[in-house]
Amino acid sequence: MKAVYIGLDVGTSGCKAALVDRSGKILAMARREYGFESPEPGMVELNPATVWNAVKETLAEAASPEVEIRMLAVSSIGEAVVMVDKDGGVLRNGITYLDQRGPETAEYIRGRMDDRYLHGLTGVPVNPMYTLNRCIWLKEHQPEIVEKTAHYFMFGDYITYMLTGQRVIDQSSASRTMLFDAGNLEWSREIGEKFGVPVEKFSPVASTGAVVGRIRKELAEEIGLPYDLKIVLGCHDQCSALLGSGAVKPGDIMAGEGSTESINLIIHKENFNDSFFENQLCFEPYIQPGQYIIPVGQLSHGTSIRWFVNEFGADFKAERSGLSSGMGGRKVALVKPENAGKSIYDLANEYCAPDSGDVYFLPYLSRVKSMDASNQALGVFLGLDVNTGRAQMYRALLEGLCFESRTCFDTLKKVGLPIHKIVASGGCSKSPLFMQMKADVLRQPIHILDNPDAGITGLAMICAVADGAYKNYEEAAEVFVKTARGYAPENDYQEKYEKYCLIRETMKELYQKL
């Protein structure tokens, strides 16, 4: 019977589980989508019960009695905290990185601890998106929930806990809290005591690849997994995607093109320098000892594309071949036969204008920014006139996302970090239109993985090394990771990029005044 592993990736908008064999081939995959909950404007939360039910459904669908499922590893989003009581009951939704409440917590933190010192200790700049800020806000606004909290989880270790009954978190996920000593790889009691957050209520820290335990017997029966399935400690989703792109040594870089864009560069601890603080760069523990990743990127990436096609792209589905009477006599568009089976994203790309003209898009669909917390600008379409159509606006949106990526790469170069080879993965990397545009704007070749789900590949590699199938990640990467195609720069976007930068800075200043 073929030995396989399960990679379980828990994201902001959905989760997926896949069976992967020891050669890196995906044998089966299941996905479930879920949405955010917004109790009030500006609040963006994720329901742990919704996520857990989706996880169980994906695992049940992916499970197969025809293979030997040996190990399972989990990756997940960072920052959002799950609070449970002494009986394991969830007390409230997790507050996600897109949530806009509590900007005053950042100033409160700066007032009590030097932000340069805090950055050097935790590896993250002061920013409302991190867990510490949410804990401070909750103490002020929902103290009754804080009092009932017996344990704090991130979503990754919460799912691992639900699978095994064991509390344990990996170093990369812990570093997203702003309560973790990223240099010594342990919870910072100094920060916890300074801000009244009991770090002992967070899960104990262990290294990625450690065997947490076996799946709970009753859960295995419920979803059809083997009783002896071992659960291996996974990591932050950006780390698993980076590993799944074949990045195993300093200088390797991967662009995760999902709901968020995270451009991750591996460095060694010896490469830390003071300019990281000035440029608001994070450093996050990577999977291998002594290595860290520098993540740069934008939070509203694939989210911007999904927002546009959902709100304005209904006609992309039809590109009308005629009209028919729908319910109540309302005329509806008929779908052309050649468009049957195509996603709305495929159709949006097909009908994208060849030129955006003087239309620009600033892709800030949230006030929360991962790299520039002081930037309060929101999304803007600029340069519209009576002749502007949605196809032209869609191209401007894609260009705006690429221009933001360029600013991130420019920051890496500014602090003297090398960029050797860019590998892209994730849902957005499936679009030839978008990837060619990105290569043009970045003025560098982009290589696309044969398997765009790099996070799943990375999790399978973690399992395979833990299982002894490979002696290290370098050896596993040679087998698991393959490049499908590449895009070389063809068009010159330099002039338009410079105009975009001017618009970007002008809008930041305008929103500061507003």
Protein backbone atom coordinates (compact mmCIF):
# COMPACT_ATOMS: atom_id res chain seq x y z
CA MET A 1 0.00 0.00 0.00
CA LYS A 2 1.38 3.42 -0.99
CA ALA A 3 2.54 5.62 1.92
CA VAL A 4 1.12 9.15 1.79
CA TYR A 5 0.90 12.29 3.89
CA ILE A 6 -1.82 14.86 4.46
CA GLY A 7 -1.08 18.55 4.15
CA LEU A 8 -3.80 20.68 5.75
CA ASP A 9 -3.68 24.41 4.98
CA VAL A 10 -6.03 26.68 6.96
CA GLY A 11 -6.37 30.10 5.34
CA THR A 12 -8.40 33.27 5.75
CA SER A 13 -11.07 32.41 3.18
CA GLY A 14 -10.97 28.61 3.18
CA CYS A 15 -9.04 25.46 3.93
CA LYS A 16 -7.71 22.62 1.82
CA ALA A 17 -6.40 19.15 2.52
CA ALA A 18 -4.43 16.95 0.14
CA LEU A 19 -3.00 13.45 0.01
CA VAL A 20 0.61 13.63 -1.17
CA ASP A 21 2.87 10.65 -1.85
CA ARG A 22 6.60 10.43 -1.16
CA SER A 23 7.46 11.76 -4.61
CA GLY A 24 5.44 14.93 -4.06
CA LYS A 25 2.52 13.89 -6.28
CA ILE A 26 -0.89 15.10 -5.10
CA LEU A 27 -3.27 12.15 -5.20
CA ALA A 28 -6.42 13.85 -3.93
CA MET A 29 -7.45 17.30 -2.71
CA ALA A 30 -10.50 18.73 -1.02
CA ARG A 31 -11.37 22.36 -0.37
CA ARG A 32 -13.95 24.29 1.59
CA GLU A 33 -14.57 28.02 1.58
CA TYR A 34 -15.80 30.12 4.46
CA GLY A 35 -16.28 33.81 4.98
CA PHE A 36 -15.43 36.48 7.50
CA GLU A 37 -17.93 37.72 10.04
CA SER A 38 -18.32 41.46 10.58
CA PRO A 39 -20.28 42.34 13.75
CA GLU A 40 -19.74 46.03 13.05
CA PRO A 41 -18.18 48.09 10.24
CA GLY A 42 -14.40 47.69 10.25
CA MET A 43 -14.51 44.46 12.26
CA VAL A 44 -13.26 41.35 10.44
CA GLU A 45 -13.47 38.09 12.38
CA LEU A 46 -13.09 34.38 11.73
CA ASN A 47 -15.33 31.88 13.49
CA PRO A 48 -13.28 28.98 14.90
CA ALA A 49 -16.30 26.63 14.81
CA THR A 50 -16.84 27.40 11.12
CA VAL A 51 -13.17 26.76 10.39
CA TRP A 52 -13.09 23.51 12.36
CA ASN A 53 -16.20 22.15 10.60
CA ALA A 54 -14.63 23.00 7.24
CA VAL A 55 -11.43 21.24 8.29
CA LYS A 56 -13.32 18.07 9.19
CA GLU A 57 -15.18 18.11 5.89
CA THR A 58 -12.00 18.50 3.85
CA LEU A 59 -10.23 15.72 5.75
CA ALA A 60 -13.20 13.39 5.35
CA GLU A 61 -13.33 14.06 1.61
CA ALA A 62 -9.58 13.66 1.11
CA ALA A 63 -9.29 10.48 3.19
CA SER A 64 -8.87 7.21 1.32
CA PRO A 65 -8.68 3.59 2.56
CA GLU A 66 -6.62 2.65 -0.50
CA VAL A 67 -3.42 4.29 0.75
CA GLU A 68 -1.43 4.26 3.99
CA ILE A 69 -1.87 7.72 5.50
CA ARG A 70 1.11 8.02 7.83
CA MET A 71 1.32 11.65 8.94
CA LEU A 72 -0.55 14.97 8.83
CA ALA A 73 0.81 18.51 9.24
CA VAL A 74 -1.07 21.80 9.53
CA SER A 75 -0.22 25.29 8.32
CA SER A 76 -2.37 28.32 9.02
CA ILE A 77 -2.75 32.07 9.02
CA GLY A 78 -1.05 34.05 11.76
CA GLU A 79 -2.07 36.79 14.20
CA ALA A 80 -5.73 35.79 14.86
CA VAL A 81 -6.15 34.36 18.36
CA VAL A 82 -8.64 31.71 19.51
CA MET A 83 -9.63 32.04 23.17
CA VAL A 84 -11.03 29.01 24.99
CA ASP A 85 -12.31 28.39 28.52
CA LYS A 86 -11.22 25.68 30.96
CA ASP A 87 -13.53 23.17 29.27
CA GLY A 88 -12.13 23.89 25.80
CA GLY A 89 -15.12 25.94 24.68
CA VAL A 90 -14.44 28.79 22.27
CA LEU A 91 -15.26 32.16 23.85
CA ARG A 92 -15.27 34.42 20.78
CA ASN A 93 -14.29 34.72 17.14
CA GLY A 94 -10.69 35.34 16.16
CA ILE A 95 -9.88 38.94 15.20
CA THR A 96 -8.06 38.81 11.85
CA TYR A 97 -5.26 40.95 10.49
CA LEU A 98 -7.76 42.87 8.32
CA ASP A 99 -9.72 44.09 11.37
CA GLN A 100 -9.50 47.85 11.83
CA ARG A 101 -10.39 48.21 15.50
CA GLY A 102 -7.96 49.40 18.15
CA PRO A 103 -5.37 51.57 16.34
CA GLU A 104 -4.81 53.25 19.71
CA THR A 105 -3.22 50.04 21.02
CA ALA A 106 -0.14 50.68 18.89
CA GLU A 107 0.44 54.04 20.55
CA TYR A 108 -0.20 52.48 23.95
CA ILE A 109 2.52 49.90 23.27
CA ARG A 110 4.99 52.55 22.11
CA GLY A 111 4.29 54.52 25.27
CA ARG A 112 5.27 51.59 27.49
CA MET A 113 8.15 49.99 25.56
CA ASP A 114 10.65 51.38 23.07
CA ASP A 115 9.49 50.23 19.64
CA ARG A 116 13.06 49.70 18.35
CA TYR A 117 13.78 47.43 21.32
CA LEU A 118 10.47 45.62 20.83
CA HIS A 119 11.23 45.09 17.15
CA GLY A 120 14.66 43.67 17.91
CA LEU A 121 13.15 41.31 20.47
CA THR A 122 10.08 40.05 18.59
CA GLY A 123 11.08 40.52 14.95
CA VAL A 124 7.91 42.46 14.16
CA PRO A 125 7.24 46.23 14.07
CA VAL A 126 4.52 47.77 16.22
CA ASN A 127 1.35 47.25 14.20
CA PRO A 128 -2.32 46.81 15.25
CA MET A 129 -2.54 43.54 13.30
CA TYR A 130 -0.51 41.48 15.78
CA THR A 131 -1.97 39.40 18.61
CA LEU A 132 -0.58 41.55 21.43
CA ASN A 133 -2.64 44.49 20.18
CA ARG A 134 -5.79 42.36 20.10
CA CYS A 135 -5.17 41.14 23.66
CA ILE A 136 -4.81 44.73 24.87
CA TRP A 137 -8.02 45.75 23.09
CA LEU A 138 -9.92 42.78 24.53
CA LYS A 139 -8.76 43.58 28.07
CA GLU A 140 -10.25 47.04 27.66
CA HIS A 141 -13.47 46.20 25.82
CA GLN A 142 -14.31 42.58 26.71
CA PRO A 143 -12.67 41.90 30.10
CA GLU A 144 -15.27 39.27 30.99
CA ILE A 145 -14.05 37.09 28.11
CA VAL A 146 -10.40 37.61 29.03
CA GLU A 147 -11.18 36.52 32.62
CA LYS A 148 -12.74 33.26 31.38
CA THR A 149 -9.84 32.47 29.03
CA ALA A 150 -7.86 29.40 30.09
CA HIS A 151 -5.83 29.04 26.90
CA TYR A 152 -4.88 31.19 23.93
CA PHE A 153 -4.35 29.53 20.55
CA MET A 154 -3.43 30.69 17.11
CA PHE A 155 -5.51 28.96 14.43
CA GLY A 156 -2.75 26.49 13.57
CA ASP A 157 -2.19 25.16 17.06
CA TYR A 158 -5.95 25.28 17.71
CA ILE A 159 -6.55 22.88 14.82
CA THR A 160 -3.65 20.71 16.01
CA TYR A 161 -5.23 20.71 19.49
CA MET A 162 -8.60 19.69 18.07
CA LEU A 163 -6.90 16.87 16.16
CA THR A 164 -4.83 15.52 19.05
CA GLY A 165 -5.89 17.10 22.34
CA GLN A 166 -2.30 18.39 22.71
CA ARG A 167 -1.31 22.05 23.07
CA VAL A 168 1.84 22.90 21.11
CA ILE A 169 2.80 25.71 18.71
CA ASP A 170 5.65 26.10 16.25
CA GLN A 171 8.14 28.96 16.37
CA SER A 172 7.05 30.70 13.16
CA SER A 173 3.40 30.90 14.22
CA ALA A 174 4.32 32.07 17.71
CA SER A 175 6.37 34.90 16.22
CA ARG A 176 3.21 36.44 14.72
CA THR A 177 1.92 37.36 18.17
CA MET A 178 4.43 40.11 19.09
CA LEU A 179 4.77 38.21 22.38
CA PHE A 180 7.57 35.90 21.24
CA ASP A 181 11.33 36.30 21.63
CA ALA A 182 12.31 35.56 18.04
CA GLY A 183 16.02 35.36 18.80
CA ASN A 184 15.84 32.95 21.73
CA LEU A 185 12.76 31.14 20.32
CA GLU A 186 10.65 31.33 23.47
CA TRP A 187 7.69 33.27 24.84
CA SER A 188 8.76 36.64 26.21
CA ARG A 189 7.73 36.92 29.84
CA GLU A 190 9.08 40.49 29.76
CA ILE A 191 6.48 41.56 27.19
CA GLY A 192 3.73 39.52 28.81
CA GLU A 193 4.31 41.10 32.23
CA LYS A 194 4.67 44.60 30.78
CA PHE A 195 1.25 44.43 29.10
CA GLY A 196 -0.58 42.06 31.42
CA VAL A 197 -0.85 39.18 28.96
CA PRO A 198 -0.17 35.76 30.56
CA VAL A 199 2.13 34.11 28.01
CA GLU A 200 1.91 30.82 29.94
CA LYS A 201 -1.65 30.52 28.62
CA PHE A 202 -0.28 30.22 25.06
CA SER A 203 0.74 26.77 23.82
CA PRO A 204 4.23 25.43 24.61
CA VAL A 205 6.70 26.01 21.77
CA ALA A 206 8.34 23.23 19.74
CA SER A 207 10.13 22.94 16.40
CA THR A 208 8.37 22.31 13.12
CA GLY A 209 8.48 18.61 12.29
CA ALA A 210 8.12 17.40 15.88
CA VAL A 211 5.54 14.63 16.33
CA VAL A 212 2.72 16.08 18.46
CA GLY A 213 0.80 12.82 18.94
CA ARG A 214 -1.81 10.64 17.29
CA ILE A 215 -5.23 11.71 16.08
CA ARG A 216 -8.03 11.39 18.63
CA LYS A 217 -9.71 8.01 18.18
CA GLU A 218 -13.27 9.37 18.12
CA LEU A 219 -12.28 11.97 15.52
CA ALA A 220 -10.57 9.35 13.36
CA GLU A 221 -13.80 7.33 13.41
CA GLU A 222 -15.89 10.38 12.57
CA ILE A 223 -13.95 11.45 9.49
CA GLY A 224 -12.51 8.15 8.29
CA LEU A 225 -8.82 8.52 9.09
CA PRO A 226 -6.59 5.75 10.52
CA TYR A 227 -6.34 5.50 14.32
CA ASP A 228 -2.55 5.49 14.22
CA LEU A 229 -2.25 8.69 12.15
CA LYS A 230 0.56 10.82 13.56
CA ILE A 231 0.11 14.59 13.69
CA VAL A 232 3.34 16.47 12.94
CA LEU A 233 3.83 20.08 14.01
CA GLY A 234 3.45 22.35 11.00
CA CYS A 235 4.11 26.08 10.71
CA HIS A 236 2.89 29.50 9.62
CA ASP A 237 1.42 29.21 6.12
CA GLN A 238 4.07 31.47 4.60
CA CYS A 239 6.84 29.19 5.88
CA SER A 240 5.23 26.05 4.42
CA ALA A 241 4.72 27.78 1.06
CA LEU A 242 8.33 28.96 1.07
CA LEU A 243 9.58 25.43 1.77
CA GLY A 244 7.23 24.04 -0.89
CA SER A 245 8.79 26.38 -3.46
CA GLY A 246 12.15 24.71 -2.87
CA ALA A 247 13.59 27.56 -0.79
CA VAL A 248 16.04 25.98 1.66
CA LYS A 249 19.04 28.33 1.78
CA PRO A 250 19.71 32.05 2.34
CA GLY A 251 18.96 34.16 -0.74
CA ASP A 252 16.05 31.98 -1.90
CA ILE A 253 12.84 33.93 -2.40
CA MET A 254 9.20 33.01 -3.01
CA ALA A 255 6.17 35.14 -3.77
CA GLY A 256 3.02 33.66 -2.28
CA GLU A 257 0.25 34.89 -4.53
CA GLY A 258 -2.90 34.22 -2.52
CA SER A 259 -5.54 36.29 -0.74
CA THR A 260 -2.57 38.15 0.65
CA GLU A 261 0.78 38.48 -1.06
CA SER A 262 3.75 37.48 1.03
CA ILE A 263 7.16 37.78 -0.59
CA ASN A 264 9.49 35.72 1.56
CA LEU A 265 13.27 35.82 1.52
CA ILE A 266 15.45 33.43 3.55
CA ILE A 267 18.33 34.98 5.48
CA HIS A 268 20.66 33.73 8.20
CA LYS A 269 20.54 35.24 11.67
CA GLU A 270 23.97 36.80 11.04
CA ASN A 271 22.42 39.01 8.32
CA PHE A 272 20.22 41.01 10.73
CA ASN A 273 20.93 44.75 10.57
CA ASP A 274 19.58 48.02 11.96
CA SER A 275 17.93 49.00 8.68
CA PHE A 276 15.26 46.35 9.29
CA PHE A 277 13.68 48.61 11.88
CA GLU A 278 13.83 51.76 9.76
CA ASN A 279 12.09 49.93 6.91
CA GLN A 280 9.55 48.14 9.13
CA LEU A 281 10.76 44.69 8.07
CA CYS A 282 9.84 41.57 10.02
CA PHE A 283 12.11 38.63 10.64
CA GLU A 284 10.38 35.33 11.36
CA PRO A 285 11.94 32.03 12.45
CA TYR A 286 12.12 29.60 9.54
CA ILE A 287 11.92 25.84 9.59
CA GLN A 288 15.66 25.20 9.69
CA PRO A 289 17.82 26.23 12.70
CA GLY A 290 19.53 29.61 12.40
CA GLN A 291 17.43 30.64 9.40
CA TYR A 292 14.76 33.35 9.29
CA ILE A 293 12.47 34.70 6.63
CA ILE A 294 11.94 38.34 5.75
CA PRO A 295 8.28 38.62 4.69
CA VAL A 296 7.18 41.68 2.74
CA GLY A 297 3.96 42.08 0.81
CA GLN A 298 0.41 43.35 0.86
CA LEU A 299 -2.67 42.17 2.71
CA SER A 300 -5.29 42.99 0.06
CA HIS A 301 -3.87 41.05 -2.89
CA GLY A 302 -6.05 38.24 -4.21
CA THR A 303 -8.70 39.77 -1.96
CA SER A 304 -8.76 42.81 -4.27
CA ILE A 305 -9.29 40.63 -7.33
CA ARG A 306 -12.05 38.65 -5.63
CA TRP A 307 -13.73 41.87 -4.48
CA PHE A 308 -13.71 43.33 -7.99
CA VAL A 309 -15.06 40.29 -9.85
CA ASN A 310 -17.70 39.66 -7.18
CA GLU A 311 -18.93 43.24 -7.10
CA PHE A 312 -18.54 44.30 -10.73
CA GLY A 313 -17.85 41.18 -12.78
CA ALA A 314 -21.26 39.53 -13.16
CA ASP A 315 -21.30 40.15 -16.92
CA PHE A 316 -17.91 38.49 -17.32
CA LYS A 317 -19.71 35.18 -16.82
CA ALA A 318 -21.99 35.74 -19.77
CA GLU A 319 -20.36 38.16 -22.19
CA ARG A 320 -23.86 38.12 -23.52
CA SER A 321 -24.82 35.72 -26.27
CA GLY A 322 -28.46 36.70 -25.88
CA LEU A 323 -31.15 37.30 -23.29
CA SER A 324 -33.70 34.98 -21.79
CA SER A 325 -36.59 35.53 -19.45
CA GLY A 326 -35.68 34.66 -15.91
CA MET A 327 -37.80 34.57 -12.78
CA GLY A 328 -40.51 37.18 -12.75
CA GLY A 329 -39.95 37.92 -16.43
CA ARG A 330 -36.57 39.57 -15.73
CA LYS A 331 -34.16 39.34 -18.65
CA VAL A 332 -30.93 37.50 -17.84
CA ALA A 333 -27.80 36.94 -19.90
CA LEU A 334 -27.14 33.57 -21.47
CA VAL A 335 -23.68 32.07 -21.09
CA LYS A 336 -21.81 31.41 -24.31
CA PRO A 337 -21.04 27.71 -24.81
CA GLU A 338 -17.29 28.41 -25.01
CA ASN A 339 -17.43 29.98 -21.54
CA ALA A 340 -19.01 26.97 -19.87
CA GLY A 341 -16.82 25.61 -17.10
CA LYS A 342 -14.58 28.67 -16.90
CA SER A 343 -14.21 30.48 -13.61
CA ILE A 344 -15.13 34.12 -13.30
CA TYR A 345 -11.43 34.84 -12.82
CA ASP A 346 -10.55 33.18 -16.13
CA LEU A 347 -13.21 35.24 -17.87
CA ALA A 348 -12.10 38.45 -16.19
CA ASN A 349 -8.58 37.84 -17.51
CA GLU A 350 -9.88 37.13 -21.02
CA TYR A 351 -11.88 40.35 -21.14
CA CYS A 352 -9.22 42.47 -19.43
CA ALA A 353 -8.38 45.59 -21.45
CA PRO A 354 -5.01 45.58 -23.26
CA ASP A 355 -4.21 49.02 -21.82
CA SER A 356 -5.38 50.80 -18.67
CA GLY A 357 -4.58 54.22 -20.11
CA ASP A 358 -4.37 56.82 -17.35
CA VAL A 359 -6.41 54.79 -14.86
CA TYR A 360 -4.65 53.80 -11.62
CA PHE A 361 -5.75 51.66 -8.69
CA LEU A 362 -4.45 51.92 -5.14
CA PRO A 363 -5.08 48.43 -3.64
CA TYR A 364 -5.72 49.39 -0.03
CA LEU A 365 -9.00 47.67 0.80
CA SER A 366 -8.15 47.84 4.50
CA ARG A 367 -6.52 50.46 6.70
CA VAL A 368 -4.35 47.69 8.14
CA LYS A 369 -0.98 47.44 6.38
CA SER A 370 1.63 44.79 7.06
CA MET A 371 4.67 47.04 6.47
CA ASP A 372 3.56 50.65 6.94
CA ALA A 373 1.22 50.88 9.91
CA SER A 374 1.05 54.69 9.66
CA ASN A 375 -0.42 54.50 6.16
CA GLN A 376 -4.18 55.03 6.59
CA ALA A 377 -5.01 55.42 2.89
CA LEU A 378 -7.87 53.35 1.49
CA GLY A 379 -8.52 51.95 -1.99
CA VAL A 380 -8.77 54.41 -4.85
CA PHE A 381 -9.49 54.28 -8.58
CA LEU A 382 -7.95 57.40 -10.14
CA GLY A 383 -8.31 58.75 -13.66
CA LEU A 384 -11.86 57.65 -14.53
CA ASP A 385 -13.89 59.40 -17.21
CA VAL A 386 -17.13 58.64 -19.08
CA ASN A 387 -15.29 56.29 -21.45
CA THR A 388 -13.77 54.11 -18.73
CA GLY A 389 -15.15 50.58 -18.64
CA ARG A 390 -14.80 47.74 -16.18
CA ALA A 391 -12.26 45.93 -18.40
CA GLN A 392 -9.94 48.94 -18.20
CA MET A 393 -10.52 49.25 -14.46
CA TYR A 394 -9.70 45.57 -14.02
CA ARG A 395 -6.36 46.00 -15.77
CA ALA A 396 -5.59 49.04 -13.60
CA LEU A 397 -6.37 46.90 -10.54
CA LEU A 398 -3.91 44.18 -11.60
CA GLU A 399 -1.27 46.81 -12.35
CA GLY A 400 -1.80 48.42 -8.96
CA LEU A 401 -1.18 45.09 -7.25
CA CYS A 402 2.01 44.63 -9.27
CA PHE A 403 3.18 48.15 -8.45
CA GLU A 404 2.73 47.42 -4.74
CA SER A 405 4.81 44.25 -5.18
CA ARG A 406 7.53 46.37 -6.80
CA THR A 407 7.66 48.67 -3.77
CA CYS A 408 8.27 45.58 -1.60
CA PHE A 409 11.14 44.36 -3.78
CA ASP A 410 12.60 47.85 -3.81
CA THR A 411 12.62 47.77 0.01
CA LEU A 412 14.53 44.46 0.06
CA LYS A 413 17.11 45.90 -2.30
CA LYS A 414 17.33 49.10 -0.27
CA VAL A 415 18.47 47.21 2.85
CA GLY A 416 21.00 45.22 0.85
CA LEU A 417 19.29 41.82 0.79
CA PRO A 418 20.01 39.66 -2.26
CA ILE A 419 17.33 38.47 -4.66
CA HIS A 420 18.45 35.51 -6.74
CA LYS A 421 15.49 33.66 -8.20
CA ILE A 422 11.80 34.55 -7.83
CA VAL A 423 9.43 31.60 -7.58
CA ALA A 424 5.69 32.28 -7.42
CA SER A 425 2.98 30.04 -6.03
CA GLY A 426 -0.64 30.30 -4.94
CA GLY A 427 -3.92 30.88 -6.71
CA CYS A 428 -2.97 34.13 -8.43
CA SER A 429 0.14 32.50 -9.94
CA LYS A 430 -2.18 30.45 -12.16
CA SER A 431 -2.95 33.56 -14.23
CA PRO A 432 -0.56 34.03 -17.20
CA LEU A 433 -1.85 37.58 -17.66
CA PHE A 434 -1.09 38.56 -14.07
CA MET A 435 2.29 36.82 -13.88
CA GLN A 436 3.53 38.32 -17.15
CA MET A 437 2.47 41.75 -15.91
CA LYS A 438 4.30 41.13 -12.63
CA ALA A 439 7.50 40.10 -14.42
CA ASP A 440 7.25 43.29 -16.50
CA VAL A 441 6.74 45.55 -13.47
CA LEU A 442 9.42 43.86 -11.34
CA ARG A 443 11.81 43.74 -14.31
CA GLN A 444 12.82 40.23 -13.26
CA PRO A 445 11.91 36.72 -14.45
CA ILE A 446 9.27 34.86 -12.48
CA HIS A 447 9.23 31.07 -12.25
CA ILE A 448 5.96 29.24 -11.65
CA LEU A 449 5.79 25.97 -9.76
CA ASP A 450 4.37 22.90 -11.40
CA ASN A 451 2.21 22.55 -8.31
CA PRO A 452 0.83 26.00 -7.43
CA ASP A 453 -0.18 24.77 -3.97
CA ALA A 454 3.32 25.18 -2.55
CA GLY A 455 1.99 25.25 1.00
CA ILE A 456 0.63 21.72 0.62
CA THR A 457 3.94 20.57 -0.89
CA GLY A 458 5.84 22.14 2.01
CA LEU A 459 3.67 20.35 4.57
CA ALA A 460 4.17 17.03 2.79
CA MET A 461 7.95 17.66 2.85
CA ILE A 462 7.78 18.30 6.59
CA CYS A 463 5.98 14.97 7.05
CA ALA A 464 8.35 13.11 4.74
CA VAL A 465 11.44 14.30 6.62
CA ALA A 466 9.81 13.59 9.99
CA ASP A 467 8.93 10.11 8.69
CA GLY A 468 12.53 9.43 7.67
CA ALA A 469 11.76 9.19 3.95
CA TYR A 470 14.39 11.95 3.35
CA LYS A 471 17.32 12.89 5.54
CA ASN A 472 16.76 16.65 5.20
CA TYR A 473 14.71 19.32 3.41
CA GLU A 474 17.34 19.86 0.73
CA GLU A 475 17.05 16.23 -0.33
CA ALA A 476 13.24 16.34 -0.22
CA ALA A 477 13.13 19.54 -2.31
CA GLU A 478 15.04 17.87 -5.14
CA VAL A 479 12.19 15.38 -5.50
CA PHE A 480 9.12 17.39 -4.47
CA VAL A 481 9.67 20.74 -6.20
CA LYS A 482 9.40 21.22 -9.96
CA THR A 483 9.09 24.39 -12.05
CA ALA A 484 6.42 24.42 -14.76
CA ARG A 485 7.13 27.62 -16.69
CA GLY A 486 8.57 31.08 -16.44
CA TYR A 487 7.81 34.65 -17.49
CA ALA A 488 10.54 37.01 -18.66
CA PRO A 489 10.07 40.82 -18.72
CA GLU A 490 8.68 42.04 -22.04
CA ASN A 491 7.10 45.45 -21.45
CA ASP A 492 8.47 48.59 -19.80
CA TYR A 493 6.37 49.82 -16.87
CA GLN A 494 8.97 52.11 -15.34
CA GLU A 495 7.31 55.43 -16.23
CA LYS A 496 3.91 54.26 -15.08
CA TYR A 497 5.39 52.83 -11.88
CA GLU A 498 6.98 56.19 -11.06
CA LYS A 499 3.60 57.89 -11.53
CA TYR A 500 2.01 55.26 -9.30
CA CYS A 501 4.55 55.98 -6.56
CA LEU A 502 3.69 59.68 -6.75
CA ILE A 503 -0.04 58.88 -6.49
CA ARG A 504 0.64 56.48 -3.62
CA GLU A 505 2.54 59.05 -1.55
CA THR A 506 0.02 61.80 -2.36
CA MET A 507 -2.91 59.64 -1.21
CA LYS A 508 -1.07 58.72 2.01
CA GLU A 509 -0.57 62.41 2.78
CA LEU A 510 -4.19 63.21 1.86
CA TYR A 511 -5.56 60.55 4.20
CA GLN A 512 -3.34 61.83 7.01
CA LYS A 513 -4.99 65.23 6.60
CA LEU A 514 -8.47 63.72 6.32
